[in-house]
Every structure is written in structure tokens, then in C-alpha cells.
Amino acid sequence: MIIKDTNALREGSEIRSLLIDEANLADRFFVIVLNSRRDRYEIQRISESVWFIPANLWTMWAAPFVVARIARRELFFQGRLHADLIAAYDPCESGIVGVYLSKLYRKPLHVHIEQNVFLPRYRTASFGNLIRARLARF
């Protein structure tokens, strides 16, 4: 799973507990968090099957390439990516990274969208929402 919310790296946060609950549905669950380099974190192993891996990005434009490097370093075994599904938690930054990894490694992609981005009032609320709505349609 690819997520942009850095609260996933902090113990006791609501998003972290939700992700740990979702991890019960899988044998192994890796969460790559798109955080900035100034909020530097280390890899966190929650249990034998749950890992939180921070990207520590210097810029968001490098996210697809940094996450691909992390996937190759952490998730590759015997010359191939051992993930059955790539999931992105929003259609914008992590969605773009998810599409890139999905195409690169030929794995199915699931994009989790929390709000109805197809409503006209969502698109007109801000320029960022307009971009998110267009990316979600893609």
C-alpha cells in the first residue's frame, strides 16, 4: 500500500490502527509512506507480517522513482516483486505512484478514494480538488 499520510508512521494514530486492522486480511502487508526528508523516519516492523516503510522524499516529483527503488530493495525476492496487489490510498500523489508501479511490475492496482470526487461541488472547491478529480477519472 502507498499512502501520503505521515500519521501512519506515528504510534497511536487513527490511520495507523486502521492500517494494522487491514493488515489482518493479508499474509504480508507493506505500507510505503510518502513523507518528506525533513520528517525522517526509519523502517518500522510492527509484527512479522506488517511493515511501515518511509520514503523520505526530497521532492514529491521523485516519488515514483524512489518508491520503485524501495520496492526493488524491500519487496523483491528471487528476481520478481512478491506483491499480489498494489494499493494507493488517494488518487493524487500516491495514485500516481501506484499507477507507475502497477505498469512497471504488471500488478493490479486498487485506488482507495475517501470522498466522492465526481461531484461538481468537489471539483469547484479548490484547484487541488480539480486536479484530484481529473486524476481519479484516469
N, C-alpha and C. Protein backbone atom coordinates (compact mmCIF):
# COMPACT_ATOMS: atom_id res chain seq x y z
N MET A 1 0.84 -1.18 0.00
CA MET A 1 0.00 0.00 0.00
C MET A 1 0.88 1.24 0.00
N ILE A 2 0.45 2.23 -0.73
CA ILE A 2 1.15 3.50 -0.81
C ILE A 2 0.22 4.55 -0.21
N ILE A 3 0.75 5.34 0.72
CA ILE A 3 -0.07 6.33 1.42
C ILE A 3 0.75 7.60 1.64
N LYS A 4 0.08 8.74 1.62
CA LYS A 4 0.78 10.00 1.82
C LYS A 4 0.69 10.51 3.25
N ASP A 5 -0.24 10.03 4.03
CA ASP A 5 -0.47 10.50 5.40
C ASP A 5 0.67 10.04 6.32
N THR A 6 1.47 10.99 6.78
CA THR A 6 2.62 10.64 7.63
C THR A 6 2.21 10.23 9.04
N ASN A 7 0.95 10.43 9.40
CA ASN A 7 0.48 9.97 10.71
C ASN A 7 0.54 8.45 10.81
N ALA A 8 0.61 7.77 9.69
CA ALA A 8 0.74 6.31 9.71
C ALA A 8 2.05 5.88 10.35
N LEU A 9 3.03 6.75 10.39
CA LEU A 9 4.32 6.42 10.99
C LEU A 9 4.37 6.72 12.48
N ARG A 10 3.33 7.37 13.00
CA ARG A 10 3.30 7.73 14.42
C ARG A 10 2.44 6.73 15.20
N GLU A 11 2.99 6.22 16.29
CA GLU A 11 2.26 5.26 17.10
C GLU A 11 1.04 5.91 17.74
N GLY A 12 -0.05 5.17 17.80
CA GLY A 12 -1.27 5.65 18.42
C GLY A 12 -2.18 6.44 17.50
N SER A 13 -1.80 6.68 16.27
CA SER A 13 -2.65 7.46 15.37
C SER A 13 -3.79 6.58 14.84
N GLU A 14 -4.86 7.25 14.45
CA GLU A 14 -6.04 6.53 13.97
C GLU A 14 -5.77 5.82 12.65
N ILE A 15 -5.08 6.48 11.74
CA ILE A 15 -4.79 5.86 10.43
C ILE A 15 -3.90 4.63 10.59
N ARG A 16 -2.98 4.69 11.54
CA ARG A 16 -2.10 3.54 11.78
C ARG A 16 -2.90 2.34 12.28
N SER A 17 -3.83 2.58 13.19
CA SER A 17 -4.63 1.46 13.70
C SER A 17 -5.54 0.90 12.60
N LEU A 18 -6.06 1.77 11.72
CA LEU A 18 -6.87 1.28 10.60
C LEU A 18 -6.04 0.42 9.65
N LEU A 19 -4.82 0.84 9.39
CA LEU A 19 -3.95 0.06 8.50
C LEU A 19 -3.56 -1.27 9.12
N ILE A 20 -3.31 -1.29 10.42
CA ILE A 20 -2.98 -2.54 11.10
C ILE A 20 -4.18 -3.48 11.06
N ASP A 21 -5.40 -2.94 11.19
CA ASP A 21 -6.60 -3.78 11.05
C ASP A 21 -6.73 -4.35 9.64
N GLU A 22 -6.41 -3.54 8.62
CA GLU A 22 -6.44 -4.02 7.25
C GLU A 22 -5.37 -5.09 7.01
N ALA A 23 -4.28 -5.00 7.74
CA ALA A 23 -3.20 -5.97 7.58
C ALA A 23 -3.63 -7.38 7.96
N ASN A 24 -4.67 -7.50 8.78
CA ASN A 24 -5.15 -8.82 9.17
C ASN A 24 -5.75 -9.58 7.99
N LEU A 25 -6.05 -8.87 6.90
CA LEU A 25 -6.62 -9.50 5.72
C LEU A 25 -5.58 -10.09 4.79
N ALA A 26 -4.30 -9.82 5.05
CA ALA A 26 -3.24 -10.26 4.15
C ALA A 26 -2.18 -11.06 4.92
N ASP A 27 -1.42 -11.86 4.18
CA ASP A 27 -0.32 -12.58 4.79
C ASP A 27 0.82 -11.64 5.15
N ARG A 28 1.16 -10.77 4.22
CA ARG A 28 2.19 -9.75 4.45
C ARG A 28 1.64 -8.42 3.98
N PHE A 29 1.91 -7.38 4.74
CA PHE A 29 1.34 -6.07 4.46
C PHE A 29 2.46 -5.03 4.59
N PHE A 30 2.82 -4.42 3.47
CA PHE A 30 3.84 -3.40 3.44
C PHE A 30 3.19 -2.06 3.13
N VAL A 31 3.43 -1.06 3.94
CA VAL A 31 2.89 0.28 3.74
C VAL A 31 4.07 1.20 3.45
N ILE A 32 4.09 1.78 2.26
CA ILE A 32 5.12 2.76 1.90
C ILE A 32 4.51 4.14 2.08
N VAL A 33 5.10 4.93 2.97
CA VAL A 33 4.58 6.25 3.32
C VAL A 33 5.38 7.32 2.59
N LEU A 34 4.70 8.17 1.84
CA LEU A 34 5.35 9.25 1.10
C LEU A 34 5.55 10.44 2.04
N ASN A 35 6.64 10.44 2.77
CA ASN A 35 6.93 11.54 3.68
C ASN A 35 8.12 12.34 3.16
N SER A 36 8.25 13.56 3.66
CA SER A 36 9.37 14.40 3.23
C SER A 36 10.62 14.03 4.02
N ARG A 37 11.75 14.44 3.50
CA ARG A 37 13.02 14.11 4.10
C ARG A 37 13.21 14.82 5.45
N ARG A 38 12.58 15.97 5.62
CA ARG A 38 12.76 16.69 6.90
C ARG A 38 12.08 15.96 8.05
N ASP A 39 11.04 15.15 7.77
CA ASP A 39 10.41 14.29 8.77
C ASP A 39 10.97 12.88 8.62
N ARG A 40 12.23 12.73 8.83
CA ARG A 40 12.92 11.47 8.55
C ARG A 40 12.50 10.39 9.55
N TYR A 41 12.15 9.24 9.02
CA TYR A 41 11.77 8.08 9.82
C TYR A 41 12.58 6.88 9.35
N GLU A 42 12.61 5.87 10.20
CA GLU A 42 13.25 4.60 9.87
C GLU A 42 12.16 3.57 9.58
N ILE A 43 12.55 2.47 8.96
CA ILE A 43 11.60 1.38 8.69
C ILE A 43 11.09 0.82 10.01
N GLN A 44 9.76 0.65 10.09
CA GLN A 44 9.15 0.17 11.32
C GLN A 44 8.51 -1.19 11.07
N ARG A 45 8.95 -2.16 11.84
CA ARG A 45 8.37 -3.51 11.74
C ARG A 45 7.40 -3.67 12.90
N ILE A 46 6.13 -3.74 12.60
CA ILE A 46 5.09 -3.81 13.62
C ILE A 46 4.93 -5.24 14.12
N SER A 47 4.93 -6.18 13.20
CA SER A 47 4.85 -7.59 13.54
C SER A 47 5.60 -8.36 12.45
N GLU A 48 5.48 -9.65 12.48
CA GLU A 48 6.17 -10.48 11.48
C GLU A 48 5.68 -10.19 10.07
N SER A 49 4.43 -9.74 9.96
CA SER A 49 3.86 -9.56 8.63
C SER A 49 3.48 -8.11 8.29
N VAL A 50 3.71 -7.16 9.18
CA VAL A 50 3.32 -5.76 8.94
C VAL A 50 4.55 -4.87 9.03
N TRP A 51 4.79 -4.10 7.94
CA TRP A 51 5.93 -3.20 7.85
C TRP A 51 5.47 -1.83 7.40
N PHE A 52 6.02 -0.78 7.99
CA PHE A 52 5.82 0.59 7.55
C PHE A 52 7.16 1.10 7.04
N ILE A 53 7.20 1.47 5.77
CA ILE A 53 8.45 1.89 5.13
C ILE A 53 8.32 3.34 4.69
N PRO A 54 9.06 4.26 5.33
CA PRO A 54 9.00 5.66 4.90
C PRO A 54 9.84 5.88 3.65
N ALA A 55 9.37 6.76 2.78
CA ALA A 55 10.10 7.05 1.54
C ALA A 55 11.17 8.11 1.75
N ASN A 56 10.99 9.01 2.72
CA ASN A 56 11.95 10.10 2.99
C ASN A 56 12.32 10.84 1.71
N LEU A 57 11.32 11.42 1.06
CA LEU A 57 11.49 12.07 -0.24
C LEU A 57 12.10 13.46 -0.10
N TRP A 58 12.96 13.82 -1.01
CA TRP A 58 13.48 15.19 -1.04
C TRP A 58 12.56 16.08 -1.86
N THR A 59 11.80 15.52 -2.79
CA THR A 59 10.76 16.24 -3.52
C THR A 59 9.69 15.24 -3.94
N MET A 60 8.45 15.72 -4.02
CA MET A 60 7.35 14.83 -4.38
C MET A 60 7.43 14.38 -5.84
N TRP A 61 8.14 15.12 -6.67
CA TRP A 61 8.29 14.73 -8.08
C TRP A 61 9.11 13.46 -8.23
N ALA A 62 9.95 13.16 -7.27
CA ALA A 62 10.79 11.96 -7.34
C ALA A 62 10.09 10.74 -6.75
N ALA A 63 8.89 10.90 -6.25
CA ALA A 63 8.20 9.81 -5.54
C ALA A 63 8.09 8.51 -6.33
N PRO A 64 7.67 8.53 -7.60
CA PRO A 64 7.56 7.24 -8.31
C PRO A 64 8.89 6.49 -8.39
N PHE A 65 9.96 7.20 -8.60
CA PHE A 65 11.26 6.56 -8.76
C PHE A 65 11.83 6.08 -7.42
N VAL A 66 11.62 6.87 -6.37
CA VAL A 66 12.08 6.47 -5.04
C VAL A 66 11.29 5.26 -4.55
N VAL A 67 9.99 5.26 -4.76
CA VAL A 67 9.17 4.13 -4.33
C VAL A 67 9.49 2.88 -5.15
N ALA A 68 9.78 3.03 -6.42
CA ALA A 68 10.20 1.87 -7.23
C ALA A 68 11.51 1.29 -6.70
N ARG A 69 12.42 2.17 -6.28
CA ARG A 69 13.69 1.70 -5.69
C ARG A 69 13.43 0.99 -4.36
N ILE A 70 12.53 1.54 -3.55
CA ILE A 70 12.18 0.90 -2.28
C ILE A 70 11.55 -0.47 -2.53
N ALA A 71 10.65 -0.55 -3.50
CA ALA A 71 10.01 -1.82 -3.82
C ALA A 71 11.05 -2.85 -4.28
N ARG A 72 11.99 -2.41 -5.10
CA ARG A 72 13.03 -3.34 -5.57
C ARG A 72 13.91 -3.79 -4.41
N ARG A 73 14.19 -2.89 -3.47
CA ARG A 73 15.07 -3.22 -2.35
C ARG A 73 14.37 -4.07 -1.29
N GLU A 74 13.11 -3.76 -0.99
CA GLU A 74 12.43 -4.40 0.13
C GLU A 74 11.47 -5.53 -0.26
N LEU A 75 10.91 -5.48 -1.46
CA LEU A 75 9.84 -6.41 -1.82
C LEU A 75 10.20 -7.40 -2.91
N PHE A 76 11.42 -7.37 -3.38
CA PHE A 76 11.85 -8.29 -4.43
C PHE A 76 12.48 -9.52 -3.81
N PHE A 77 12.05 -10.69 -4.25
CA PHE A 77 12.64 -11.96 -3.86
C PHE A 77 12.74 -12.83 -5.10
N GLN A 78 13.85 -13.45 -5.29
CA GLN A 78 14.09 -14.35 -6.42
C GLN A 78 13.81 -13.66 -7.76
N GLY A 79 14.18 -12.39 -7.87
CA GLY A 79 14.11 -11.68 -9.13
C GLY A 79 12.75 -11.13 -9.54
N ARG A 80 11.75 -11.16 -8.65
CA ARG A 80 10.46 -10.60 -9.01
C ARG A 80 9.79 -9.99 -7.78
N LEU A 81 8.84 -9.11 -8.04
CA LEU A 81 8.09 -8.45 -6.99
C LEU A 81 7.07 -9.41 -6.42
N HIS A 82 7.15 -9.65 -5.13
CA HIS A 82 6.25 -10.60 -4.48
C HIS A 82 5.09 -9.88 -3.82
N ALA A 83 4.37 -9.12 -4.60
CA ALA A 83 3.14 -8.46 -4.13
C ALA A 83 2.02 -8.86 -5.07
N ASP A 84 0.88 -9.19 -4.51
CA ASP A 84 -0.26 -9.57 -5.34
C ASP A 84 -1.07 -8.37 -5.79
N LEU A 85 -0.99 -7.29 -5.04
CA LEU A 85 -1.81 -6.11 -5.31
C LEU A 85 -1.06 -4.86 -4.87
N ILE A 86 -1.16 -3.82 -5.66
CA ILE A 86 -0.63 -2.51 -5.28
C ILE A 86 -1.84 -1.64 -4.98
N ALA A 87 -1.86 -1.05 -3.79
CA ALA A 87 -2.99 -0.22 -3.39
C ALA A 87 -2.49 1.19 -3.11
N ALA A 88 -3.23 2.17 -3.58
CA ALA A 88 -2.93 3.58 -3.31
C ALA A 88 -4.08 4.15 -2.51
N TYR A 89 -3.76 4.97 -1.51
CA TYR A 89 -4.78 5.45 -0.58
C TYR A 89 -5.46 6.73 -1.03
N ASP A 90 -5.00 7.37 -2.06
CA ASP A 90 -5.68 8.54 -2.61
C ASP A 90 -5.35 8.64 -4.09
N PRO A 91 -6.18 9.35 -4.88
CA PRO A 91 -5.96 9.37 -6.32
C PRO A 91 -4.89 10.35 -6.78
N CYS A 92 -4.32 11.13 -5.89
CA CYS A 92 -3.38 12.16 -6.34
C CYS A 92 -1.95 11.64 -6.27
N GLU A 93 -1.19 11.99 -5.23
CA GLU A 93 0.22 11.65 -5.20
C GLU A 93 0.46 10.14 -5.14
N SER A 94 -0.18 9.47 -4.18
CA SER A 94 0.05 8.03 -4.09
C SER A 94 -0.61 7.28 -5.24
N GLY A 95 -1.65 7.84 -5.83
CA GLY A 95 -2.27 7.24 -7.01
C GLY A 95 -1.33 7.24 -8.20
N ILE A 96 -0.63 8.35 -8.40
CA ILE A 96 0.34 8.44 -9.50
C ILE A 96 1.46 7.42 -9.30
N VAL A 97 1.94 7.33 -8.06
CA VAL A 97 3.00 6.35 -7.76
C VAL A 97 2.47 4.93 -7.96
N GLY A 98 1.23 4.69 -7.56
CA GLY A 98 0.64 3.37 -7.74
C GLY A 98 0.50 2.98 -9.19
N VAL A 99 0.07 3.93 -10.03
CA VAL A 99 -0.04 3.66 -11.47
C VAL A 99 1.33 3.33 -12.04
N TYR A 100 2.35 4.08 -11.64
CA TYR A 100 3.70 3.83 -12.13
C TYR A 100 4.19 2.43 -11.74
N LEU A 101 4.01 2.06 -10.47
CA LEU A 101 4.44 0.73 -10.03
C LEU A 101 3.61 -0.38 -10.68
N SER A 102 2.32 -0.14 -10.84
CA SER A 102 1.46 -1.12 -11.46
C SER A 102 1.89 -1.41 -12.90
N LYS A 103 2.19 -0.38 -13.63
CA LYS A 103 2.65 -0.55 -15.02
C LYS A 103 4.05 -1.16 -15.07
N LEU A 104 4.92 -0.72 -14.16
CA LEU A 104 6.30 -1.20 -14.15
C LEU A 104 6.39 -2.70 -13.84
N TYR A 105 5.62 -3.15 -12.86
CA TYR A 105 5.72 -4.54 -12.41
C TYR A 105 4.55 -5.41 -12.84
N ARG A 106 3.62 -4.84 -13.63
CA ARG A 106 2.46 -5.57 -14.16
C ARG A 106 1.66 -6.25 -13.06
N LYS A 107 1.27 -5.44 -12.09
CA LYS A 107 0.46 -5.90 -10.97
C LYS A 107 -0.85 -5.12 -10.96
N PRO A 108 -1.93 -5.70 -10.45
CA PRO A 108 -3.20 -4.96 -10.38
C PRO A 108 -3.11 -3.81 -9.37
N LEU A 109 -3.87 -2.76 -9.65
CA LEU A 109 -3.86 -1.55 -8.82
C LEU A 109 -5.25 -1.32 -8.25
N HIS A 110 -5.29 -0.97 -6.97
CA HIS A 110 -6.53 -0.57 -6.31
C HIS A 110 -6.31 0.83 -5.75
N VAL A 111 -7.16 1.77 -6.11
CA VAL A 111 -7.07 3.13 -5.59
C VAL A 111 -8.23 3.36 -4.64
N HIS A 112 -7.91 3.72 -3.41
CA HIS A 112 -8.92 3.99 -2.39
C HIS A 112 -9.23 5.48 -2.40
N ILE A 113 -10.48 5.83 -2.66
CA ILE A 113 -10.91 7.23 -2.72
C ILE A 113 -11.90 7.45 -1.58
N GLU A 114 -11.56 8.35 -0.65
CA GLU A 114 -12.39 8.57 0.53
C GLU A 114 -13.61 9.44 0.25
N GLN A 115 -13.49 10.41 -0.65
CA GLN A 115 -14.60 11.32 -0.94
C GLN A 115 -15.09 11.09 -2.36
N ASN A 116 -16.31 11.49 -2.62
CA ASN A 116 -16.85 11.38 -3.96
C ASN A 116 -16.28 12.51 -4.81
N VAL A 117 -15.22 12.23 -5.53
CA VAL A 117 -14.53 13.26 -6.31
C VAL A 117 -15.24 13.55 -7.62
N PHE A 118 -16.31 12.85 -7.92
CA PHE A 118 -17.01 13.05 -9.18
C PHE A 118 -18.16 14.06 -9.06
N LEU A 119 -18.40 14.56 -7.85
CA LEU A 119 -19.42 15.59 -7.68
C LEU A 119 -18.91 16.94 -8.18
N PRO A 120 -19.76 17.74 -8.82
CA PRO A 120 -19.31 19.05 -9.31
C PRO A 120 -18.85 19.98 -8.19
N ARG A 121 -19.49 19.92 -7.02
CA ARG A 121 -19.08 20.82 -5.94
C ARG A 121 -17.70 20.46 -5.38
N TYR A 122 -17.28 19.20 -5.48
CA TYR A 122 -15.94 18.82 -5.05
C TYR A 122 -14.90 19.47 -5.96
N ARG A 123 -15.14 19.43 -7.26
CA ARG A 123 -14.18 19.99 -8.22
C ARG A 123 -14.05 21.50 -8.10
N THR A 124 -15.15 22.18 -7.77
CA THR A 124 -15.10 23.64 -7.71
C THR A 124 -14.62 24.16 -6.36
N ALA A 125 -14.41 23.32 -5.38
CA ALA A 125 -13.98 23.76 -4.05
C ALA A 125 -12.57 24.34 -4.06
N SER A 126 -11.66 23.74 -4.82
CA SER A 126 -10.30 24.25 -4.90
C SER A 126 -9.62 23.71 -6.16
N PHE A 127 -8.51 24.32 -6.50
CA PHE A 127 -7.76 23.87 -7.67
C PHE A 127 -7.18 22.47 -7.43
N GLY A 128 -6.75 22.20 -6.20
CA GLY A 128 -6.23 20.87 -5.87
C GLY A 128 -7.28 19.79 -6.02
N ASN A 129 -8.51 20.11 -5.65
CA ASN A 129 -9.60 19.14 -5.82
C ASN A 129 -9.90 18.89 -7.29
N LEU A 130 -9.77 19.92 -8.12
CA LEU A 130 -9.97 19.75 -9.55
C LEU A 130 -8.93 18.78 -10.12
N ILE A 131 -7.68 18.93 -9.70
CA ILE A 131 -6.61 18.03 -10.14
C ILE A 131 -6.89 16.60 -9.66
N ARG A 132 -7.27 16.45 -8.40
CA ARG A 132 -7.57 15.12 -7.85
C ARG A 132 -8.72 14.45 -8.61
N ALA A 133 -9.75 15.22 -8.94
CA ALA A 133 -10.90 14.67 -9.67
C ALA A 133 -10.49 14.19 -11.05
N ARG A 134 -9.66 14.94 -11.73
CA ARG A 134 -9.20 14.52 -13.06
C ARG A 134 -8.30 13.30 -12.98
N LEU A 135 -7.42 13.25 -11.97
CA LEU A 135 -6.56 12.08 -11.80
C LEU A 135 -7.38 10.85 -11.43
N ALA A 136 -8.43 11.03 -10.63
CA ALA A 136 -9.27 9.89 -10.24
C ALA A 136 -9.98 9.30 -11.45
N ARG A 137 -10.38 10.13 -12.40
CA ARG A 137 -11.01 9.61 -13.61
C ARG A 137 -10.02 8.81 -14.45
N PHE A 138 -8.75 9.20 -14.42
CA PHE A 138 -7.73 8.48 -15.15
C PHE A 138 -7.53 7.11 -14.53
